[in-house]
Amino acid sequence: MSIPSLATAPPHAPRQRRKEARPQELIDAALELFAEKGFAATRSEEVAARAGVAKGTLYLYYPSKEELLKAVISQRLSSEIAAVAEYAAQYEGSCASLLTEVFTQWWSRVFDSPTSAVFKLVITEVRNFPEIAEFYRSEVVGPATQLVGGILERGVKRGEFRPIDVPSAVLSLVFPMVMLCLHKHSLGACAPAVEMVDPHAFIRQHVQLVLYGLRADAAPAARSRA
């Protein structure tokens, strides 16, 4: 079973497109430009031009560039996390299988899409935009931490995982995934393909590495010797 996605990115519409398609086009154009130039360096009129609309049309939907970035974060990440959380709440298999699905399916999907640029965008720009920082914390960091932490806690209660410090385990799982996306849009964008890590293999190996450390029957060797 595949983890559902709430975010959709329809193909470019014809010139006489429906009004309903414009917000999506503006979000797509904004993410492209923010990833290429950075948030601070991108002008609103550039986003409008990339989307093929007048600057005034952009302001009808998003009164400021900050609101446009919030829309990008909300649609590209917040809605996806909500979809995964709903899937996880109804999942009836093991917590190890659920974690594997969440990371190998969802993170692979994020990495392969333009959404992966959001992490670099936020990390490099957010210090100068505290309003965006707070929005990202409440809309992405909080829900994602609750999602992964909830799966880990469920695994501990079921006896699948050994007792652990859940917040630290969440960071151990998530930080390498964020770093993978940062690499894609920094060093990975400059290095020849032969020098880049295979992202999908890395995700699978990373999850397996953490899972074997979490398993209740896989206590550290030093502890077993003691």
Protein backbone atom coordinates (compact mmCIF):
# COMPACT_ATOMS: atom_id res chain seq x y z
CA MET A 1 0.00 0.00 0.00
CA SER A 2 1.28 3.44 -0.90
CA ILE A 3 1.22 6.46 1.37
CA PRO A 4 -1.25 8.99 -0.08
CA SER A 5 -0.34 12.49 -1.17
CA LEU A 6 -2.51 15.55 -0.74
CA ALA A 7 -0.26 17.88 -2.72
CA THR A 8 -0.82 17.91 -6.45
CA ALA A 9 1.04 19.76 -9.14
CA PRO A 10 -1.02 19.77 -12.36
CA PRO A 11 0.74 20.31 -15.70
CA HIS A 12 0.94 23.78 -17.21
CA ALA A 13 -2.55 24.88 -18.23
CA PRO A 14 -3.36 26.56 -21.56
CA ARG A 15 -3.20 30.31 -21.84
CA GLN A 16 -6.90 30.70 -21.10
CA ARG A 17 -6.67 28.68 -17.92
CA ARG A 18 -9.33 28.47 -15.29
CA LYS A 19 -9.12 30.79 -12.33
CA GLU A 20 -8.95 27.80 -9.99
CA ALA A 21 -5.59 26.75 -11.46
CA ARG A 22 -3.82 30.04 -10.81
CA PRO A 23 -2.92 29.54 -7.13
CA GLN A 24 -1.24 26.25 -8.01
CA GLU A 25 0.67 27.86 -10.88
CA LEU A 26 1.82 30.67 -8.62
CA ILE A 27 2.99 28.20 -5.96
CA ASP A 28 4.89 26.15 -8.55
CA ALA A 29 6.52 29.25 -10.02
CA ALA A 30 7.43 30.59 -6.59
CA LEU A 31 9.09 27.35 -5.52
CA GLU A 32 11.10 27.22 -8.73
CA LEU A 33 12.35 30.79 -8.31
CA PHE A 34 12.93 30.55 -4.56
CA ALA A 35 15.04 27.44 -5.17
CA GLU A 36 16.99 29.11 -7.99
CA LYS A 37 17.58 32.55 -6.47
CA GLY A 38 16.65 32.35 -2.80
CA PHE A 39 13.65 33.90 -1.10
CA ALA A 40 15.11 37.36 -0.42
CA ALA A 41 16.49 37.75 -3.95
CA THR A 42 13.28 36.76 -5.72
CA ARG A 43 10.93 39.57 -6.68
CA SER A 44 7.16 39.18 -6.75
CA GLU A 45 6.99 40.32 -10.37
CA GLU A 46 9.38 37.51 -11.31
CA VAL A 47 7.02 34.96 -9.78
CA ALA A 48 4.09 36.48 -11.64
CA ALA A 49 6.01 36.43 -14.92
CA ARG A 50 7.10 32.81 -14.42
CA ALA A 51 3.45 31.86 -13.80
CA GLY A 52 2.29 33.87 -16.81
CA VAL A 53 0.07 36.31 -14.91
CA ALA A 54 0.14 40.02 -14.12
CA LYS A 55 1.72 41.17 -10.86
CA GLY A 56 -1.67 42.43 -9.72
CA THR A 57 -3.09 38.93 -10.17
CA LEU A 58 -0.43 37.54 -7.87
CA TYR A 59 -1.42 39.97 -5.13
CA LEU A 60 -5.07 38.93 -5.44
CA TYR A 61 -4.10 35.50 -4.18
CA TYR A 62 -1.02 36.24 -2.07
CA PRO A 63 -0.77 39.80 -0.67
CA SER A 64 2.95 39.45 0.10
CA LYS A 65 5.95 37.34 -0.78
CA GLU A 66 5.89 35.97 2.77
CA GLU A 67 2.34 34.73 2.29
CA LEU A 68 3.41 33.08 -0.94
CA LEU A 69 6.23 31.22 0.82
CA LYS A 70 3.80 30.13 3.53
CA ALA A 71 1.54 28.75 0.82
CA VAL A 72 4.47 26.82 -0.65
CA ILE A 73 5.35 25.34 2.75
CA SER A 74 1.72 24.55 3.57
CA GLN A 75 0.93 22.81 0.31
CA ARG A 76 4.24 21.09 -0.30
CA LEU A 77 4.99 19.91 3.24
CA SER A 78 2.19 20.54 5.75
CA SER A 79 -0.49 18.80 3.69
CA GLU A 80 1.83 15.89 2.96
CA ILE A 81 2.62 15.39 6.65
CA ALA A 82 -1.10 15.46 7.43
CA ALA A 83 -1.72 12.77 4.83
CA VAL A 84 1.03 10.56 6.25
CA ALA A 85 -0.26 11.09 9.80
CA GLU A 86 -3.73 9.96 8.77
CA TYR A 87 -2.25 6.91 7.07
CA ALA A 88 -0.14 6.08 10.14
CA ALA A 89 -3.14 6.35 12.48
CA GLN A 90 -4.98 3.65 10.51
CA TYR A 91 -1.95 1.42 9.91
CA GLU A 92 -2.35 -2.06 11.34
CA GLY A 93 1.08 -3.55 10.68
CA SER A 94 4.25 -3.39 12.75
CA CYS A 95 5.81 -0.08 13.71
CA ALA A 96 9.04 -1.13 12.01
CA SER A 97 7.15 -1.65 8.73
CA LEU A 98 5.36 1.67 9.15
CA LEU A 99 8.60 3.55 9.71
CA THR A 100 10.10 1.87 6.69
CA GLU A 101 7.14 2.90 4.53
CA VAL A 102 7.10 6.47 5.83
CA PHE A 103 10.76 7.04 5.09
CA THR A 104 11.29 4.99 1.94
CA GLN A 105 8.05 6.07 0.26
CA TRP A 106 7.36 9.58 1.57
CA TRP A 107 10.92 10.84 1.83
CA SER A 108 11.78 9.38 -1.56
CA ARG A 109 8.78 11.19 -3.02
CA VAL A 110 9.81 14.44 -1.37
CA PHE A 111 13.41 14.07 -2.50
CA ASP A 112 12.44 13.41 -6.12
CA SER A 113 10.13 16.43 -6.29
CA PRO A 114 10.78 20.19 -6.22
CA THR A 115 9.57 20.05 -2.60
CA SER A 116 13.08 18.98 -1.56
CA ALA A 117 14.21 22.57 -2.15
CA VAL A 118 12.03 23.84 0.69
CA PHE A 119 14.44 22.58 3.36
CA LYS A 120 17.42 24.48 1.97
CA LEU A 121 15.23 27.52 1.38
CA VAL A 122 14.01 27.62 4.97
CA ILE A 123 17.36 26.83 6.60
CA THR A 124 19.30 29.44 4.62
CA GLU A 125 16.72 32.23 4.67
CA VAL A 126 14.64 31.79 7.80
CA ARG A 127 16.93 33.68 10.20
CA ASN A 128 16.06 36.94 8.48
CA PHE A 129 12.33 36.18 8.43
CA PRO A 130 11.19 35.21 11.96
CA GLU A 131 7.54 35.07 10.92
CA ILE A 132 8.38 32.37 8.40
CA ALA A 133 10.49 30.56 11.00
CA GLU A 134 7.56 30.37 13.40
CA PHE A 135 5.21 29.27 10.63
CA TYR A 136 7.60 26.50 9.58
CA ARG A 137 8.05 25.37 13.17
CA SER A 138 4.31 25.11 13.78
CA GLU A 139 3.31 23.73 10.38
CA VAL A 140 6.20 21.35 9.64
CA VAL A 141 8.59 20.71 12.53
CA GLY A 142 5.89 20.20 15.16
CA PRO A 143 3.61 17.88 13.16
CA ALA A 144 6.53 15.89 11.72
CA THR A 145 8.03 15.41 15.18
CA GLN A 146 4.66 14.30 16.53
CA LEU A 147 4.21 11.88 13.62
CA VAL A 148 7.58 10.13 13.89
CA GLY A 149 7.63 10.31 17.69
CA GLY A 150 4.18 8.76 17.84
CA ILE A 151 5.28 5.79 15.76
CA LEU A 152 8.34 5.28 17.98
CA GLU A 153 6.28 5.50 21.17
CA ARG A 154 3.79 3.01 19.77
CA GLY A 155 6.64 0.63 18.99
CA VAL A 156 8.04 0.92 22.51
CA LYS A 157 4.62 0.26 24.09
CA ARG A 158 4.11 -2.79 21.91
CA GLY A 159 7.51 -4.17 22.84
CA GLU A 160 8.84 -3.91 19.28
CA PHE A 161 11.38 -1.26 20.20
CA ARG A 162 13.53 -1.05 23.29
CA PRO A 163 12.99 1.91 25.66
CA ILE A 164 14.61 4.96 24.08
CA ASP A 165 14.78 8.72 24.34
CA VAL A 166 12.11 9.39 21.74
CA PRO A 167 12.97 13.04 20.91
CA SER A 168 16.60 12.09 20.25
CA ALA A 169 15.53 9.12 18.14
CA VAL A 170 13.28 11.38 16.06
CA LEU A 171 16.24 13.64 15.30
CA SER A 172 18.41 10.64 14.46
CA LEU A 173 15.86 9.56 11.88
CA VAL A 174 14.93 12.93 10.41
CA PHE A 175 18.15 14.97 10.33
CA PRO A 176 19.93 12.75 7.76
CA MET A 177 16.86 13.00 5.52
CA VAL A 178 16.92 16.79 5.68
CA MET A 179 20.66 16.74 5.01
CA LEU A 180 20.06 14.58 1.94
CA CYS A 181 17.74 17.24 0.53
CA LEU A 182 20.22 19.99 1.40
CA HIS A 183 22.96 18.08 -0.41
CA LYS A 184 20.78 17.77 -3.51
CA HIS A 185 20.35 21.54 -3.73
CA SER A 186 23.92 22.50 -2.77
CA LEU A 187 26.95 20.26 -3.36
CA GLY A 188 24.88 17.71 -5.21
CA ALA A 189 23.80 20.33 -7.73
CA CYS A 190 27.44 21.07 -8.54
CA ALA A 191 29.13 17.66 -8.39
CA PRO A 192 29.15 15.20 -11.31
CA ALA A 193 26.52 12.49 -11.02
CA VAL A 194 29.16 9.85 -10.32
CA GLU A 195 30.10 11.63 -7.11
CA MET A 196 26.57 11.89 -5.75
CA VAL A 197 25.17 9.39 -3.28
CA ASP A 198 22.32 7.19 -4.49
CA PRO A 199 19.52 8.89 -2.50
CA HIS A 200 17.05 6.00 -2.56
CA ALA A 201 19.67 3.49 -1.47
CA PHE A 202 20.77 5.87 1.27
CA ILE A 203 17.21 6.25 2.58
CA ARG A 204 16.67 2.49 2.69
CA GLN A 205 20.01 1.83 4.39
CA HIS A 206 19.52 4.64 6.87
CA VAL A 207 16.13 3.34 7.97
CA GLN A 208 17.45 -0.19 8.34
CA LEU A 209 20.44 1.05 10.32
CA VAL A 210 18.21 2.88 12.80
CA LEU A 211 15.63 0.11 13.00
CA TYR A 212 18.19 -2.50 13.99
CA GLY A 213 19.30 -0.19 16.78
CA LEU A 214 15.69 0.30 17.92
CA ARG A 215 14.66 -3.34 18.01
CA ALA A 216 14.08 -4.77 21.45
CA ASP A 217 16.02 -7.92 20.52
CA ALA A 218 19.01 -5.98 19.22
CA ALA A 219 20.51 -4.47 22.38
CA PRO A 220 24.03 -3.04 22.03
CA ALA A 221 26.77 -5.66 22.19
CA ALA A 222 28.46 -4.04 25.18
CA ARG A 223 25.19 -4.20 27.13
CA SER A 224 24.70 -7.89 26.31
CA ARG A 225 28.26 -8.72 27.39
CA ALA A 226 27.63 -6.95 30.67
